[in-house]
């Protein structure tokens, strides 16, 4: 919890510096153990959405349970859901529970559970629920998520983001708070090099540079995006 708390504070500091609002997909486990950070997220104008109950052991009951508990903790409406580790979700449960949007899809060209080449690259509506996939490049569907910013040269990543933004009209990505912790100082975590690479201070610099590169574009939460699009 210390790692995630410290990382979240780093992210909040960067967003505050640029006057940028974001959506924080929080697990119930984090929200219950870091109430002061949850208060800061809300007081600084960010949106809270559900990331399930526990990041490592998602269950079908998490859709409803996490929404209920997070709404009680934050005293706000929880409109969105993102499945931990982007495992498949049951769309009928997302709709039944009352979520407005689902951001659990990564339509990328990556073997394994991220391989979703038959789904739309950009937002779409399914059974009354708005689906907002993580952004991928238009042609090769190269993922532009957190791991790409860790490992690609920054100029290359920025170029791909600009191309995708120009083509799609919007860009969305996501990060984890523990990426902003100095993981290389903790060999006991046994984390692969591609994840530890450019973590901590370097990742904070990369996020800061990304926001600066996108200066002039409007930053919005997921709910604000939906309100302006639908």
C-alpha atoms as a PDB file:
ATOM      1  CA  UNK A   1       0.000   0.000   0.000  1.00  0.00           C
ATOM      2  CA  UNK A   2       2.917   2.361   0.707  1.00  0.00           C
ATOM      3  CA  UNK A   3       4.141   1.925  -2.867  1.00  0.00           C
ATOM      4  CA  UNK A   4       0.751   2.738  -4.415  1.00  0.00           C
ATOM      5  CA  UNK A   5       0.145   5.632  -2.025  1.00  0.00           C
ATOM      6  CA  UNK A   6       3.484   7.255  -2.810  1.00  0.00           C
ATOM      7  CA  UNK A   7       3.000   6.721  -6.536  1.00  0.00           C
ATOM      8  CA  UNK A   8      -0.499   8.193  -6.497  1.00  0.00           C
ATOM      9  CA  UNK A   9       0.761  11.308  -4.708  1.00  0.00           C
ATOM     10  CA  UNK A  10       3.429  11.710  -7.398  1.00  0.00           C
ATOM     11  CA  UNK A  11       0.800  11.491 -10.123  1.00  0.00           C
ATOM     12  CA  UNK A  12      -1.431  13.994  -8.338  1.00  0.00           C
ATOM     13  CA  UNK A  13       1.465  16.435  -8.045  1.00  0.00           C
ATOM     14  CA  UNK A  14       2.133  16.247 -11.785  1.00  0.00           C
ATOM     15  CA  UNK A  15      -1.540  16.693 -12.675  1.00  0.00           C
ATOM     16  CA  UNK A  16      -1.821  19.640 -10.289  1.00  0.00           C
ATOM     17  CA  UNK A  17       1.242  21.266 -11.844  1.00  0.00           C
ATOM     18  CA  UNK A  18      -0.420  21.220 -15.271  1.00  0.00           C
ATOM     19  CA  UNK A  19      -3.987  21.805 -14.038  1.00  0.00           C
ATOM     20  CA  UNK A  20      -5.028  18.523 -15.645  1.00  0.00           C
ATOM     21  CA  UNK A  21      -7.947  16.357 -14.545  1.00  0.00           C
ATOM     22  CA  UNK A  22      -7.922  12.576 -14.859  1.00  0.00           C
ATOM     23  CA  UNK A  23      -9.889   9.470 -13.977  1.00  0.00           C
ATOM     24  CA  UNK A  24      -8.501   7.249 -11.221  1.00  0.00           C
ATOM     25  CA  UNK A  25      -9.618   3.628 -11.490  1.00  0.00           C
ATOM     26  CA  UNK A  26      -9.371   2.478  -7.872  1.00  0.00           C
ATOM     27  CA  UNK A  27      -9.736  -0.905  -6.273  1.00  0.00           C
ATOM     28  CA  UNK A  28     -11.794  -1.229  -3.116  1.00  0.00           C
ATOM     29  CA  UNK A  29      -8.687  -2.523  -1.355  1.00  0.00           C
ATOM     30  CA  UNK A  30      -6.798   0.692  -2.133  1.00  0.00           C
ATOM     31  CA  UNK A  31      -9.713   2.985  -1.313  1.00  0.00           C
ATOM     32  CA  UNK A  32     -10.283   1.387   2.078  1.00  0.00           C
ATOM     33  CA  UNK A  33      -6.614   1.578   3.035  1.00  0.00           C
ATOM     34  CA  UNK A  34      -5.798   5.049   1.685  1.00  0.00           C
ATOM     35  CA  UNK A  35      -8.768   7.271   2.632  1.00  0.00           C
ATOM     36  CA  UNK A  36      -6.667  10.452   2.750  1.00  0.00           C
ATOM     37  CA  UNK A  37      -5.521   9.916  -0.840  1.00  0.00           C
ATOM     38  CA  UNK A  38      -9.066   9.215  -1.993  1.00  0.00           C
ATOM     39  CA  UNK A  39     -10.134  12.508  -0.414  1.00  0.00           C
ATOM     40  CA  UNK A  40      -7.321  14.287  -2.235  1.00  0.00           C
ATOM     41  CA  UNK A  41      -8.298  12.742  -5.580  1.00  0.00           C
ATOM     42  CA  UNK A  42     -11.857  13.968  -5.210  1.00  0.00           C
ATOM     43  CA  UNK A  43     -11.053  17.370  -3.708  1.00  0.00           C
ATOM     44  CA  UNK A  44      -8.708  18.132  -6.605  1.00  0.00           C
ATOM     45  CA  UNK A  45     -11.466  17.520  -9.138  1.00  0.00           C
ATOM     46  CA  UNK A  46     -10.574  14.101 -10.493  1.00  0.00           C
ATOM     47  CA  UNK A  47     -13.019  11.304 -11.243  1.00  0.00           C
ATOM     48  CA  UNK A  48     -13.041   8.016  -9.344  1.00  0.00           C
ATOM     49  CA  UNK A  49     -14.047   4.873 -11.234  1.00  0.00           C
ATOM     50  CA  UNK A  50     -13.977   1.204 -10.265  1.00  0.00           C
ATOM     51  CA  UNK A  51     -11.021  -1.121 -10.744  1.00  0.00           C
ATOM     52  CA  UNK A  52     -12.680  -4.000  -8.956  1.00  0.00           C
ATOM     53  CA  UNK A  53     -12.205  -5.179  -5.405  1.00  0.00           C
ATOM     54  CA  UNK A  54      -8.755  -6.738  -5.511  1.00  0.00           C
ATOM     55  CA  UNK A  55      -6.291  -6.289  -8.358  1.00  0.00           C
ATOM     56  CA  UNK A  56      -4.941  -9.844  -8.324  1.00  0.00           C
ATOM     57  CA  UNK A  57      -8.073 -11.925  -7.838  1.00  0.00           C
ATOM     58  CA  UNK A  58     -11.006 -10.507  -9.857  1.00  0.00           C
ATOM     59  CA  UNK A  59     -14.402 -12.154  -9.380  1.00  0.00           C
ATOM     60  CA  UNK A  60     -17.733 -11.796 -11.167  1.00  0.00           C
ATOM     61  CA  UNK A  61     -19.270 -10.262  -8.059  1.00  0.00           C
ATOM     62  CA  UNK A  62     -16.717  -7.428  -8.136  1.00  0.00           C
ATOM     63  CA  UNK A  63     -18.713  -5.381 -10.649  1.00  0.00           C
ATOM     64  CA  UNK A  64     -21.535  -4.731  -8.208  1.00  0.00           C
ATOM     65  CA  UNK A  65     -19.578  -4.952  -4.953  1.00  0.00           C
ATOM     66  CA  UNK A  66     -16.863  -2.497  -5.974  1.00  0.00           C
ATOM     67  CA  UNK A  67     -19.375   0.055  -7.266  1.00  0.00           C
ATOM     68  CA  UNK A  68     -21.393  -0.087  -4.072  1.00  0.00           C
ATOM     69  CA  UNK A  69     -18.403   0.217  -1.729  1.00  0.00           C
ATOM     70  CA  UNK A  70     -16.629   2.937  -3.731  1.00  0.00           C
ATOM     71  CA  UNK A  71     -19.791   5.037  -3.881  1.00  0.00           C
ATOM     72  CA  UNK A  72     -20.099   4.750  -0.120  1.00  0.00           C
ATOM     73  CA  UNK A  73     -16.442   5.680   0.439  1.00  0.00           C
ATOM     74  CA  UNK A  74     -16.349   8.606  -2.005  1.00  0.00           C
ATOM     75  CA  UNK A  75     -19.951   9.786  -1.701  1.00  0.00           C
ATOM     76  CA  UNK A  76     -19.938  10.140  -5.494  1.00  0.00           C
ATOM     77  CA  UNK A  77     -21.489   8.235  -8.369  1.00  0.00           C
ATOM     78  CA  UNK A  78     -19.170   5.602  -9.838  1.00  0.00           C
ATOM     79  CA  UNK A  79     -19.886   5.632 -13.577  1.00  0.00           C
ATOM     80  CA  UNK A  80     -17.029   3.585 -15.026  1.00  0.00           C
ATOM     81  CA  UNK A  81     -15.329   0.231 -14.686  1.00  0.00           C
ATOM     82  CA  UNK A  82     -11.935  -1.149 -15.717  1.00  0.00           C
ATOM     83  CA  UNK A  83     -11.214  -4.819 -15.147  1.00  0.00           C
ATOM     84  CA  UNK A  84      -7.933  -5.500 -13.311  1.00  0.00           C
ATOM     85  CA  UNK A  85      -5.217  -6.674 -15.699  1.00  0.00           C
ATOM     86  CA  UNK A  86      -7.769  -6.242 -18.507  1.00  0.00           C
ATOM     87  CA  UNK A  87      -9.227  -9.717 -18.164  1.00  0.00           C
ATOM     88  CA  UNK A  88     -12.511 -10.278 -20.037  1.00  0.00           C
ATOM     89  CA  UNK A  89     -15.657  -8.875 -18.463  1.00  0.00           C
ATOM     90  CA  UNK A  90     -19.303  -9.867 -18.693  1.00  0.00           C
ATOM     91  CA  UNK A  91     -20.998  -7.027 -20.550  1.00  0.00           C
ATOM     92  CA  UNK A  92     -24.413  -7.992 -19.240  1.00  0.00           C
ATOM     93  CA  UNK A  93     -23.173  -7.591 -15.668  1.00  0.00           C
ATOM     94  CA  UNK A  94     -21.633  -4.187 -16.429  1.00  0.00           C
ATOM     95  CA  UNK A  95     -25.006  -3.064 -17.770  1.00  0.00           C
ATOM     96  CA  UNK A  96     -27.048  -4.665 -15.000  1.00  0.00           C
ATOM     97  CA  UNK A  97     -25.035  -3.030 -12.250  1.00  0.00           C
ATOM     98  CA  UNK A  98     -25.506   0.392 -13.826  1.00  0.00           C
ATOM     99  CA  UNK A  99     -22.126   1.475 -15.160  1.00  0.00           C
ATOM    100  CA  UNK A 100     -22.208   4.112 -17.879  1.00  0.00           C
ATOM    101  CA  UNK A 101     -18.910   3.093 -19.453  1.00  0.00           C
ATOM    102  CA  UNK A 102     -16.427   0.237 -19.516  1.00  0.00           C
ATOM    103  CA  UNK A 103     -12.719   0.743 -20.233  1.00  0.00           C
ATOM    104  CA  UNK A 104     -11.514  -2.846 -19.955  1.00  0.00           C
ATOM    105  CA  UNK A 105     -10.625  -3.408 -23.595  1.00  0.00           C
ATOM    106  CA  UNK A 106      -7.147  -3.168 -25.081  1.00  0.00           C
ATOM    107  CA  UNK A 107      -7.623  -3.716 -28.848  1.00  0.00           C
ATOM    108  CA  UNK A 108      -3.911  -4.268 -29.434  1.00  0.00           C
ATOM    109  CA  UNK A 109      -1.795  -6.614 -31.498  1.00  0.00           C
ATOM    110  CA  UNK A 110      -0.302  -8.463 -28.521  1.00  0.00           C
ATOM    111  CA  UNK A 111      -0.461 -12.240 -28.084  1.00  0.00           C
ATOM    112  CA  UNK A 112      -2.529 -13.330 -25.106  1.00  0.00           C
ATOM    113  CA  UNK A 113      -5.450 -11.659 -23.373  1.00  0.00           C
ATOM    114  CA  UNK A 114      -4.621  -8.279 -24.916  1.00  0.00           C
ATOM    115  CA  UNK A 115      -5.144  -9.608 -28.448  1.00  0.00           C
ATOM    116  CA  UNK A 116      -8.481  -8.152 -29.518  1.00  0.00           C
ATOM    117  CA  UNK A 117      -8.127  -7.558 -33.242  1.00  0.00           C
ATOM    118  CA  UNK A 118     -11.820  -8.119 -33.995  1.00  0.00           C
ATOM    119  CA  UNK A 119     -13.024  -5.300 -31.765  1.00  0.00           C
ATOM    120  CA  UNK A 120     -13.189  -1.601 -32.653  1.00  0.00           C
ATOM    121  CA  UNK A 121     -10.088   0.477 -31.935  1.00  0.00           C
ATOM    122  CA  UNK A 122     -12.055   3.492 -30.792  1.00  0.00           C
ATOM    123  CA  UNK A 123     -15.073   4.080 -28.566  1.00  0.00           C
ATOM    124  CA  UNK A 124     -18.360   2.373 -29.354  1.00  0.00           C
ATOM    125  CA  UNK A 125     -21.628   1.522 -27.652  1.00  0.00           C
ATOM    126  CA  UNK A 126     -22.653  -2.023 -26.808  1.00  0.00           C
ATOM    127  CA  UNK A 127     -25.942  -2.954 -25.165  1.00  0.00           C
ATOM    128  CA  UNK A 128     -26.332   0.525 -23.734  1.00  0.00           C
ATOM    129  CA  UNK A 129     -22.839   0.706 -22.235  1.00  0.00           C
ATOM    130  CA  UNK A 130     -20.156   2.937 -23.770  1.00  0.00           C
ATOM    131  CA  UNK A 131     -16.923   1.055 -24.417  1.00  0.00           C
ATOM    132  CA  UNK A 132     -13.738   3.171 -24.333  1.00  0.00           C
ATOM    133  CA  UNK A 133     -10.718   1.049 -25.298  1.00  0.00           C
ATOM    134  CA  UNK A 134      -7.164   2.048 -24.493  1.00  0.00           C
ATOM    135  CA  UNK A 135      -5.641   3.840 -27.476  1.00  0.00           C
ATOM    136  CA  UNK A 136      -3.606   1.886 -30.026  1.00  0.00           C
ATOM    137  CA  UNK A 137      -2.027   3.084 -33.262  1.00  0.00           C
ATOM    138  CA  UNK A 138      -4.318   3.119 -36.319  1.00  0.00           C
ATOM    139  CA  UNK A 139      -2.582   0.602 -38.593  1.00  0.00           C
ATOM    140  CA  UNK A 140      -0.596  -1.906 -36.568  1.00  0.00           C
ATOM    141  CA  UNK A 141      -2.609  -1.512 -33.371  1.00  0.00           C
ATOM    142  CA  UNK A 142       0.540  -0.924 -31.380  1.00  0.00           C
ATOM    143  CA  UNK A 143      -0.451  -0.327 -27.741  1.00  0.00           C
ATOM    144  CA  UNK A 144       0.184   3.119 -26.277  1.00  0.00           C
ATOM    145  CA  UNK A 145      -0.338   2.065 -22.679  1.00  0.00           C
ATOM    146  CA  UNK A 146       1.985   2.376 -19.691  1.00  0.00           C
ATOM    147  CA  UNK A 147       4.519  -0.258 -20.760  1.00  0.00           C
ATOM    148  CA  UNK A 148       5.146   1.534 -24.045  1.00  0.00           C
ATOM    149  CA  UNK A 149       6.038   4.783 -22.312  1.00  0.00           C
ATOM    150  CA  UNK A 150       8.410   2.856 -20.047  1.00  0.00           C
ATOM    151  CA  UNK A 151      10.399   1.306 -22.867  1.00  0.00           C
ATOM    152  CA  UNK A 152      10.107   3.296 -26.085  1.00  0.00           C
ATOM    153  CA  UNK A 153      12.292   6.343 -26.704  1.00  0.00           C
ATOM    154  CA  UNK A 154      10.184   9.313 -25.664  1.00  0.00           C
ATOM    155  CA  UNK A 155      10.316  10.928 -29.104  1.00  0.00           C
ATOM    156  CA  UNK A 156       9.023   7.745 -30.714  1.00  0.00           C
ATOM    157  CA  UNK A 157       6.207   7.410 -28.185  1.00  0.00           C
ATOM    158  CA  UNK A 158       5.225  11.063 -28.614  1.00  0.00           C
ATOM    159  CA  UNK A 159       5.166  10.659 -32.396  1.00  0.00           C
ATOM    160  CA  UNK A 160       2.834   7.654 -32.155  1.00  0.00           C
ATOM    161  CA  UNK A 161       0.560   9.514 -29.742  1.00  0.00           C
ATOM    162  CA  UNK A 162       0.336  12.537 -32.056  1.00  0.00           C
ATOM    163  CA  UNK A 163      -0.495  10.342 -35.052  1.00  0.00           C
ATOM    164  CA  UNK A 164      -3.170   8.475 -33.135  1.00  0.00           C
ATOM    165  CA  UNK A 165      -4.642  11.687 -31.751  1.00  0.00           C
ATOM    166  CA  UNK A 166      -4.788  13.193 -35.251  1.00  0.00           C
ATOM    167  CA  UNK A 167      -6.485  10.107 -36.669  1.00  0.00           C
ATOM    168  CA  UNK A 168      -8.947   9.382 -33.858  1.00  0.00           C
ATOM    169  CA  UNK A 169      -9.576  12.860 -32.487  1.00  0.00           C
ATOM    170  CA  UNK A 170      -8.751  11.758 -28.953  1.00  0.00           C
ATOM    171  CA  UNK A 171      -6.161   9.748 -27.018  1.00  0.00           C
ATOM    172  CA  UNK A 172      -6.473   7.723 -23.843  1.00  0.00           C
ATOM    173  CA  UNK A 173      -3.870   5.824 -21.880  1.00  0.00           C
ATOM    174  CA  UNK A 174      -3.362   4.569 -18.338  1.00  0.00           C
ATOM    175  CA  UNK A 175      -0.690   4.075 -15.702  1.00  0.00           C
ATOM    176  CA  UNK A 176      -0.329   2.357 -12.336  1.00  0.00           C
ATOM    177  CA  UNK A 177       0.783   4.253  -9.233  1.00  0.00           C
ATOM    178  CA  UNK A 178       3.544   1.743  -8.452  1.00  0.00           C
ATOM    179  CA  UNK A 179       5.272   2.718 -11.718  1.00  0.00           C
ATOM    180  CA  UNK A 180       6.173   6.012 -10.053  1.00  0.00           C
ATOM    181  CA  UNK A 181       7.974   4.284  -7.202  1.00  0.00           C
ATOM    182  CA  UNK A 182      11.721   3.562  -7.410  1.00  0.00           C
ATOM    183  CA  UNK A 183      11.294  -0.124  -8.226  1.00  0.00           C
ATOM    184  CA  UNK A 184      14.951  -0.622  -9.138  1.00  0.00           C
ATOM    185  CA  UNK A 185      15.867   0.066  -5.516  1.00  0.00           C
ATOM    186  CA  UNK A 186      13.881  -3.005  -4.440  1.00  0.00           C
ATOM    187  CA  UNK A 187      15.215  -6.239  -5.970  1.00  0.00           C
ATOM    188  CA  UNK A 188      13.040  -8.155  -3.517  1.00  0.00           C
ATOM    189  CA  UNK A 189       9.997  -7.225  -5.641  1.00  0.00           C
ATOM    190  CA  UNK A 190      11.304  -9.522  -8.420  1.00  0.00           C
ATOM    191  CA  UNK A 191       9.802  -7.377 -11.169  1.00  0.00           C
ATOM    192  CA  UNK A 192      10.856  -7.849 -14.822  1.00  0.00           C
ATOM    193  CA  UNK A 193      13.289  -5.309 -16.262  1.00  0.00           C
ATOM    194  CA  UNK A 194      10.818  -3.968 -18.827  1.00  0.00           C
ATOM    195  CA  UNK A 195       8.579  -2.898 -15.939  1.00  0.00           C
ATOM    196  CA  UNK A 196      11.303  -1.552 -13.667  1.00  0.00           C
ATOM    197  CA  UNK A 197      12.907   0.359 -16.518  1.00  0.00           C
ATOM    198  CA  UNK A 198      12.347   4.115 -16.235  1.00  0.00           C
ATOM    199  CA  UNK A 199      10.254   3.706 -13.089  1.00  0.00           C
ATOM    200  CA  UNK A 200      10.108   6.149 -10.191  1.00  0.00           C
ATOM    201  CA  UNK A 201      11.551   9.594 -10.858  1.00  0.00           C
ATOM    202  CA  UNK A 202      12.184   8.806 -14.528  1.00  0.00           C
ATOM    203  CA  UNK A 203       8.565   7.761 -15.036  1.00  0.00           C
ATOM    204  CA  UNK A 204       7.387  10.950 -13.356  1.00  0.00           C
ATOM    205  CA  UNK A 205       9.546  12.918 -15.790  1.00  0.00           C
ATOM    206  CA  UNK A 206       8.094  10.975 -18.706  1.00  0.00           C
ATOM    207  CA  UNK A 207       4.516  11.665 -17.637  1.00  0.00           C
ATOM    208  CA  UNK A 208       5.374  15.319 -17.107  1.00  0.00           C
ATOM    209  CA  UNK A 209       6.929  15.495 -20.596  1.00  0.00           C
ATOM    210  CA  UNK A 210       3.938  13.744 -22.162  1.00  0.00           C
ATOM    211  CA  UNK A 211       1.520  16.274 -20.715  1.00  0.00           C
ATOM    212  CA  UNK A 212       3.739  19.126 -21.861  1.00  0.00           C
ATOM    213  CA  UNK A 213       3.888  17.624 -25.357  1.00  0.00           C
ATOM    214  CA  UNK A 214       0.091  17.588 -25.443  1.00  0.00           C
ATOM    215  CA  UNK A 215      -0.203  21.218 -24.349  1.00  0.00           C
ATOM    216  CA  UNK A 216      -2.981  22.898 -26.265  1.00  0.00           C
ATOM    217  CA  UNK A 217      -5.210  19.836 -26.212  1.00  0.00           C
ATOM    218  CA  UNK A 218      -8.078  19.536 -23.752  1.00  0.00           C
ATOM    219  CA  UNK A 219      -7.654  17.031 -20.930  1.00  0.00           C
ATOM    220  CA  UNK A 220     -10.884  15.542 -19.565  1.00  0.00           C
ATOM    221  CA  UNK A 221     -12.065  12.706 -17.361  1.00  0.00           C
ATOM    222  CA  UNK A 222     -13.834   9.733 -18.922  1.00  0.00           C
ATOM    223  CA  UNK A 223     -17.231  11.015 -17.808  1.00  0.00           C
ATOM    224  CA  UNK A 224     -16.511  14.464 -19.241  1.00  0.00           C
ATOM    225  CA  UNK A 225     -15.472  12.842 -22.519  1.00  0.00           C
ATOM    226  CA  UNK A 226     -18.759  10.957 -22.663  1.00  0.00           C
ATOM    227  CA  UNK A 227     -20.797  14.064 -21.859  1.00  0.00           C
ATOM    228  CA  UNK A 228     -19.144  15.971 -24.698  1.00  0.00           C
ATOM    229  CA  UNK A 229     -19.312  13.107 -27.195  1.00  0.00           C
ATOM    230  CA  UNK A 230     -22.712  11.457 -26.757  1.00  0.00           C
END
